Amino acid sequence: MLPAVAAPLGAAVLWGLFAAPKAWYAIPHAARLGVKAVVFGAAALALLALGHRWPAVWFAVAVLVNTALASYYRTRS
C-alpha cells in the first residue's frame, strides 16, 4: 500500500519543484524534460506492470509526441 501512496506523491513533488509552469526551482529546459520523462515514464511503466500493455504504449507515444511538439513550438517563439 505504501508504494501506491508514495509514487504519486513523489511524482507530484518532483513536478511541483522542477517541471510545473510556476516551479519552485528554475532548471534548464533539458533537465525539465528529464523530470517529465521520469514522471511520465513511471506512469507508463505502472500501466505496463498492471498488465495494460496497449494503454501503456499509447500513453507513452502520446507523451512523446506532445513533448516533441511542445519543445518545437517553445523554441520557435
N, C-alpha and C. Protein backbone atom coordinates (compact mmCIF):
# COMPACT_ATOMS: atom_id res chain seq x y z
N MET A 1 0.82 -1.19 0.00
CA MET A 1 0.00 0.00 0.00
C MET A 1 0.87 1.27 0.00
N LEU A 2 2.01 1.21 0.64
CA LEU A 2 2.88 2.38 0.70
C LEU A 2 3.32 2.86 -0.69
N PRO A 3 3.73 1.97 -1.62
CA PRO A 3 4.10 2.46 -2.95
C PRO A 3 2.93 3.13 -3.68
N ALA A 4 1.71 2.68 -3.40
CA ALA A 4 0.54 3.27 -4.06
C ALA A 4 0.34 4.71 -3.64
N VAL A 5 0.82 5.08 -2.47
CA VAL A 5 0.71 6.45 -2.00
C VAL A 5 2.00 7.23 -2.31
N ALA A 6 3.14 6.57 -2.11
CA ALA A 6 4.43 7.25 -2.26
C ALA A 6 4.74 7.62 -3.70
N ALA A 7 4.41 6.78 -4.65
CA ALA A 7 4.75 7.05 -6.05
C ALA A 7 4.04 8.30 -6.59
N PRO A 8 2.72 8.41 -6.46
CA PRO A 8 2.08 9.64 -6.95
C PRO A 8 2.50 10.88 -6.15
N LEU A 9 2.73 10.71 -4.86
CA LEU A 9 3.18 11.84 -4.06
C LEU A 9 4.56 12.30 -4.50
N GLY A 10 5.46 11.34 -4.74
CA GLY A 10 6.79 11.69 -5.23
C GLY A 10 6.75 12.36 -6.58
N ALA A 11 5.88 11.87 -7.47
CA ALA A 11 5.73 12.48 -8.79
C ALA A 11 5.21 13.91 -8.67
N ALA A 12 4.26 14.11 -7.77
CA ALA A 12 3.71 15.46 -7.59
C ALA A 12 4.76 16.42 -7.04
N VAL A 13 5.58 15.94 -6.10
CA VAL A 13 6.63 16.79 -5.53
C VAL A 13 7.66 17.13 -6.61
N LEU A 14 8.12 16.12 -7.37
CA LEU A 14 9.07 16.39 -8.46
C LEU A 14 8.51 17.40 -9.44
N TRP A 15 7.26 17.19 -9.83
CA TRP A 15 6.62 18.07 -10.80
C TRP A 15 6.53 19.50 -10.26
N GLY A 16 6.08 19.64 -9.03
CA GLY A 16 5.93 20.97 -8.45
C GLY A 16 7.25 21.70 -8.26
N LEU A 17 8.29 20.96 -7.93
CA LEU A 17 9.59 21.59 -7.71
C LEU A 17 10.30 21.98 -9.00
N PHE A 18 10.17 21.15 -10.03
CA PHE A 18 11.03 21.33 -11.21
C PHE A 18 10.31 21.47 -12.56
N ALA A 19 9.12 20.91 -12.74
CA ALA A 19 8.54 20.84 -14.08
C ALA A 19 7.30 21.69 -14.28
N ALA A 20 6.68 22.13 -13.21
CA ALA A 20 5.45 22.92 -13.33
C ALA A 20 5.75 24.28 -13.96
N PRO A 21 4.75 24.89 -14.59
CA PRO A 21 4.97 26.22 -15.16
C PRO A 21 5.45 27.25 -14.12
N LYS A 22 4.99 27.12 -12.89
CA LYS A 22 5.43 28.01 -11.81
C LYS A 22 6.24 27.21 -10.80
N ALA A 23 7.20 26.44 -11.29
CA ALA A 23 8.02 25.58 -10.43
C ALA A 23 8.83 26.40 -9.44
N TRP A 24 9.16 25.78 -8.30
CA TRP A 24 9.93 26.46 -7.27
C TRP A 24 11.35 26.72 -7.72
N TYR A 25 11.90 25.82 -8.53
CA TYR A 25 13.28 25.95 -8.98
C TYR A 25 13.32 26.03 -10.50
N ALA A 26 14.00 27.02 -11.02
CA ALA A 26 14.17 27.16 -12.46
C ALA A 26 15.36 26.29 -12.87
N ILE A 27 15.12 25.35 -13.75
CA ILE A 27 16.18 24.47 -14.23
C ILE A 27 16.22 24.57 -15.75
N PRO A 28 17.33 24.18 -16.37
CA PRO A 28 17.41 24.23 -17.83
C PRO A 28 16.33 23.36 -18.49
N HIS A 29 16.02 23.71 -19.71
CA HIS A 29 14.96 23.02 -20.44
C HIS A 29 15.23 21.52 -20.55
N ALA A 30 16.46 21.14 -20.80
CA ALA A 30 16.80 19.72 -20.93
C ALA A 30 16.55 18.97 -19.61
N ALA A 31 16.87 19.60 -18.49
CA ALA A 31 16.62 18.97 -17.19
C ALA A 31 15.13 18.85 -16.92
N ARG A 32 14.37 19.87 -17.32
CA ARG A 32 12.91 19.83 -17.16
C ARG A 32 12.33 18.68 -17.97
N LEU A 33 12.85 18.48 -19.18
CA LEU A 33 12.40 17.35 -19.99
C LEU A 33 12.75 16.03 -19.32
N GLY A 34 13.89 15.98 -18.65
CA GLY A 34 14.27 14.77 -17.93
C GLY A 34 13.32 14.46 -16.79
N VAL A 35 12.92 15.49 -16.05
CA VAL A 35 11.95 15.29 -14.96
C VAL A 35 10.63 14.78 -15.53
N LYS A 36 10.18 15.39 -16.61
CA LYS A 36 8.93 14.96 -17.23
C LYS A 36 9.04 13.52 -17.73
N ALA A 37 10.19 13.15 -18.28
CA ALA A 37 10.39 11.78 -18.75
C ALA A 37 10.32 10.78 -17.60
N VAL A 38 10.89 11.15 -16.46
CA VAL A 38 10.85 10.27 -15.29
C VAL A 38 9.41 10.09 -14.80
N VAL A 39 8.68 11.19 -14.67
CA VAL A 39 7.31 11.12 -14.16
C VAL A 39 6.40 10.35 -15.11
N PHE A 40 6.41 10.73 -16.39
CA PHE A 40 5.51 10.05 -17.34
C PHE A 40 5.99 8.65 -17.68
N GLY A 41 7.30 8.44 -17.67
CA GLY A 41 7.83 7.09 -17.90
C GLY A 41 7.41 6.15 -16.78
N ALA A 42 7.44 6.64 -15.55
CA ALA A 42 7.00 5.82 -14.42
C ALA A 42 5.51 5.50 -14.53
N ALA A 43 4.72 6.45 -15.01
CA ALA A 43 3.29 6.19 -15.19
C ALA A 43 3.06 5.13 -16.26
N ALA A 44 3.80 5.20 -17.36
CA ALA A 44 3.67 4.20 -18.41
C ALA A 44 4.12 2.83 -17.91
N LEU A 45 5.20 2.78 -17.14
CA LEU A 45 5.67 1.52 -16.58
C LEU A 45 4.67 0.95 -15.58
N ALA A 46 4.01 1.82 -14.82
CA ALA A 46 2.99 1.35 -13.89
C ALA A 46 1.82 0.72 -14.64
N LEU A 47 1.40 1.34 -15.73
CA LEU A 47 0.34 0.74 -16.55
C LEU A 47 0.78 -0.61 -17.08
N LEU A 48 2.00 -0.69 -17.54
CA LEU A 48 2.53 -1.95 -18.05
C LEU A 48 2.59 -3.01 -16.96
N ALA A 49 3.02 -2.63 -15.77
CA ALA A 49 3.10 -3.57 -14.65
C ALA A 49 1.72 -4.09 -14.24
N LEU A 50 0.70 -3.29 -14.47
CA LEU A 50 -0.66 -3.71 -14.15
C LEU A 50 -1.27 -4.58 -15.25
N GLY A 51 -0.51 -4.80 -16.32
CA GLY A 51 -0.98 -5.66 -17.39
C GLY A 51 -1.71 -4.94 -18.50
N HIS A 52 -1.67 -3.64 -18.51
CA HIS A 52 -2.34 -2.85 -19.56
C HIS A 52 -1.31 -2.44 -20.61
N ARG A 53 -0.96 -3.39 -21.45
CA ARG A 53 0.12 -3.19 -22.40
C ARG A 53 -0.17 -2.08 -23.40
N TRP A 54 -1.29 -2.18 -24.10
CA TRP A 54 -1.58 -1.19 -25.15
C TRP A 54 -1.88 0.20 -24.60
N PRO A 55 -2.61 0.34 -23.51
CA PRO A 55 -2.74 1.69 -22.94
C PRO A 55 -1.39 2.29 -22.54
N ALA A 56 -0.48 1.45 -22.04
CA ALA A 56 0.86 1.94 -21.69
C ALA A 56 1.60 2.43 -22.92
N VAL A 57 1.51 1.67 -24.00
CA VAL A 57 2.18 2.05 -25.25
C VAL A 57 1.58 3.34 -25.79
N TRP A 58 0.26 3.43 -25.85
CA TRP A 58 -0.39 4.63 -26.38
C TRP A 58 -0.11 5.85 -25.51
N PHE A 59 -0.08 5.65 -24.20
CA PHE A 59 0.24 6.75 -23.30
C PHE A 59 1.66 7.25 -23.56
N ALA A 60 2.60 6.33 -23.67
CA ALA A 60 3.99 6.71 -23.92
C ALA A 60 4.14 7.43 -25.25
N VAL A 61 3.46 6.96 -26.27
CA VAL A 61 3.51 7.61 -27.59
C VAL A 61 2.91 9.01 -27.51
N ALA A 62 1.78 9.14 -26.84
CA ALA A 62 1.13 10.45 -26.71
C ALA A 62 2.04 11.44 -25.97
N VAL A 63 2.70 10.96 -24.92
CA VAL A 63 3.62 11.82 -24.17
C VAL A 63 4.79 12.25 -25.04
N LEU A 64 5.36 11.32 -25.80
CA LEU A 64 6.49 11.66 -26.67
C LEU A 64 6.10 12.68 -27.73
N VAL A 65 4.97 12.48 -28.36
CA VAL A 65 4.51 13.40 -29.40
C VAL A 65 4.22 14.77 -28.80
N ASN A 66 3.52 14.80 -27.68
CA ASN A 66 3.20 16.06 -27.03
C ASN A 66 4.47 16.80 -26.62
N THR A 67 5.42 16.11 -26.04
CA THR A 67 6.66 16.74 -25.59
C THR A 67 7.47 17.26 -26.77
N ALA A 68 7.52 16.47 -27.83
CA ALA A 68 8.26 16.91 -29.03
C ALA A 68 7.63 18.16 -29.63
N LEU A 69 6.31 18.18 -29.75
CA LEU A 69 5.64 19.35 -30.32
C LEU A 69 5.77 20.56 -29.41
N ALA A 70 5.61 20.37 -28.11
CA ALA A 70 5.74 21.49 -27.17
C ALA A 70 7.15 22.06 -27.20
N SER A 71 8.15 21.20 -27.26
CA SER A 71 9.54 21.68 -27.32
C SER A 71 9.81 22.41 -28.62
N TYR A 72 9.27 21.88 -29.71
CA TYR A 72 9.46 22.51 -31.02
C TYR A 72 8.85 23.92 -31.03
N TYR A 73 7.61 24.04 -30.58
CA TYR A 73 6.95 25.34 -30.60
C TYR A 73 7.54 26.28 -29.56
N ARG A 74 8.09 25.75 -28.48
CA ARG A 74 8.73 26.59 -27.46
C ARG A 74 10.00 27.24 -28.04
N THR A 75 10.74 26.51 -28.84
CA THR A 75 11.97 27.05 -29.40
C THR A 75 11.70 28.00 -30.58
N ARG A 76 10.55 27.89 -31.20
CA ARG A 76 10.21 28.77 -32.33
C ARG A 76 9.82 30.16 -31.87
N SER A 77 9.27 30.28 -30.67
CA SER A 77 8.78 31.61 -30.23
C SER A 77 9.81 32.35 -29.42
